Amino acid sequence: MSTSTNTTGMTFWKVLGVIAVALIALAVLGPLLEGLFWIALIALALYGGYMLFRSNKKSTPPTTY
């Protein structure tokens, strides 16, 4: 038996659907990841500043028994 010519049409629409879903996902996730990147960068800078501030404090020498 011969295959139906409709299968190539359906494959085209499936591929087009996958591409459309991927583009929509990138359109939504792109700005979200960009925002999270800047939040993480600021948090890292604050953490580094806190660690520098904490390292400059005069520490007490360890006691020996």
C-alpha atoms as a PDB file:
ATOM      1  CA  MET A   1       0.000   0.000   0.000  1.00  0.00           C
ATOM      2  CA  SER A   2       1.154   3.511  -0.643  1.00  0.00           C
ATOM      3  CA  THR A   3       1.499   6.044   2.116  1.00  0.00           C
ATOM      4  CA  SER A   4      -0.809   8.987   2.287  1.00  0.00           C
ATOM      5  CA  THR A   5       0.458  12.348   1.062  1.00  0.00           C
ATOM      6  CA  ASN A   6      -1.067  13.923   4.169  1.00  0.00           C
ATOM      7  CA  THR A   7       1.787  12.694   6.385  1.00  0.00           C
ATOM      8  CA  THR A   8       4.297  15.142   4.888  1.00  0.00           C
ATOM      9  CA  GLY A   9       1.863  17.977   5.482  1.00  0.00           C
ATOM     10  CA  MET A  10       1.382  16.938   9.084  1.00  0.00           C
ATOM     11  CA  THR A  11       5.147  16.672   9.595  1.00  0.00           C
ATOM     12  CA  PHE A  12       5.559  20.211   8.318  1.00  0.00           C
ATOM     13  CA  TRP A  13       2.982  21.523  10.776  1.00  0.00           C
ATOM     14  CA  LYS A  14       4.558  19.579  13.657  1.00  0.00           C
ATOM     15  CA  VAL A  15       7.982  21.043  12.893  1.00  0.00           C
ATOM     16  CA  LEU A  16       6.487  24.512  12.533  1.00  0.00           C
ATOM     17  CA  GLY A  17       4.668  24.053  15.847  1.00  0.00           C
ATOM     18  CA  VAL A  18       7.859  22.996  17.626  1.00  0.00           C
ATOM     19  CA  ILE A  19       9.717  26.007  16.228  1.00  0.00           C
ATOM     20  CA  ALA A  20       6.883  28.328  17.267  1.00  0.00           C
ATOM     21  CA  VAL A  21       6.816  26.915  20.802  1.00  0.00           C
ATOM     22  CA  ALA A  22      10.611  27.245  21.074  1.00  0.00           C
ATOM     23  CA  LEU A  23      10.501  30.883  19.936  1.00  0.00           C
ATOM     24  CA  ILE A  24       7.721  31.715  22.378  1.00  0.00           C
ATOM     25  CA  ALA A  25       9.643  30.021  25.200  1.00  0.00           C
ATOM     26  CA  LEU A  26      12.770  32.011  24.342  1.00  0.00           C
ATOM     27  CA  ALA A  27      10.746  35.220  24.196  1.00  0.00           C
ATOM     28  CA  VAL A  28       9.439  34.560  27.709  1.00  0.00           C
ATOM     29  CA  LEU A  29      12.580  33.098  29.279  1.00  0.00           C
ATOM     30  CA  GLY A  30      15.061  35.546  27.730  1.00  0.00           C
ATOM     31  CA  PRO A  31      14.025  38.648  29.701  1.00  0.00           C
ATOM     32  CA  LEU A  32      13.476  36.537  32.810  1.00  0.00           C
ATOM     33  CA  LEU A  33      17.014  35.137  32.683  1.00  0.00           C
ATOM     34  CA  GLU A  34      18.418  38.574  31.920  1.00  0.00           C
ATOM     35  CA  GLY A  35      16.704  39.994  35.004  1.00  0.00           C
ATOM     36  CA  LEU A  36      17.907  37.116  37.153  1.00  0.00           C
ATOM     37  CA  PHE A  37      21.443  37.633  35.858  1.00  0.00           C
ATOM     38  CA  TRP A  38      21.533  41.231  37.096  1.00  0.00           C
ATOM     39  CA  ILE A  39      19.993  40.280  40.446  1.00  0.00           C
ATOM     40  CA  ALA A  40      22.620  37.548  40.861  1.00  0.00           C
ATOM     41  CA  LEU A  41      25.393  39.976  39.884  1.00  0.00           C
ATOM     42  CA  ILE A  42      24.267  42.525  42.488  1.00  0.00           C
ATOM     43  CA  ALA A  43      23.927  39.796  45.127  1.00  0.00           C
ATOM     44  CA  LEU A  44      27.443  38.561  44.341  1.00  0.00           C
ATOM     45  CA  ALA A  45      28.842  42.095  44.650  1.00  0.00           C
ATOM     46  CA  LEU A  46      27.094  42.576  48.008  1.00  0.00           C
ATOM     47  CA  TYR A  47      28.349  39.220  49.258  1.00  0.00           C
ATOM     48  CA  GLY A  48      31.897  40.040  48.171  1.00  0.00           C
ATOM     49  CA  GLY A  49      31.709  43.418  49.899  1.00  0.00           C
ATOM     50  CA  TYR A  50      30.438  41.790  53.065  1.00  0.00           C
ATOM     51  CA  MET A  51      33.265  39.248  52.998  1.00  0.00           C
ATOM     52  CA  LEU A  52      35.832  42.025  52.515  1.00  0.00           C
ATOM     53  CA  PHE A  53      34.325  44.003  55.387  1.00  0.00           C
ATOM     54  CA  ARG A  54      34.316  40.933  57.620  1.00  0.00           C
ATOM     55  CA  SER A  55      37.927  40.054  56.791  1.00  0.00           C
ATOM     56  CA  ASN A  56      39.165  43.503  57.829  1.00  0.00           C
ATOM     57  CA  LYS A  57      37.868  43.188  61.384  1.00  0.00           C
ATOM     58  CA  LYS A  58      40.529  42.551  63.999  1.00  0.00           C
ATOM     59  CA  SER A  59      40.216  38.955  65.020  1.00  0.00           C
ATOM     60  CA  THR A  60      41.132  37.722  68.456  1.00  0.00           C
ATOM     61  CA  PRO A  61      44.050  35.287  68.595  1.00  0.00           C
ATOM     62  CA  PRO A  62      43.101  31.706  69.382  1.00  0.00           C
ATOM     63  CA  THR A  63      43.441  30.726  72.997  1.00  0.00           C
ATOM     64  CA  THR A  64      45.723  27.858  73.923  1.00  0.00           C
ATOM     65  CA  TYR A  65      45.098  25.677  76.916  1.00  0.00           C
END
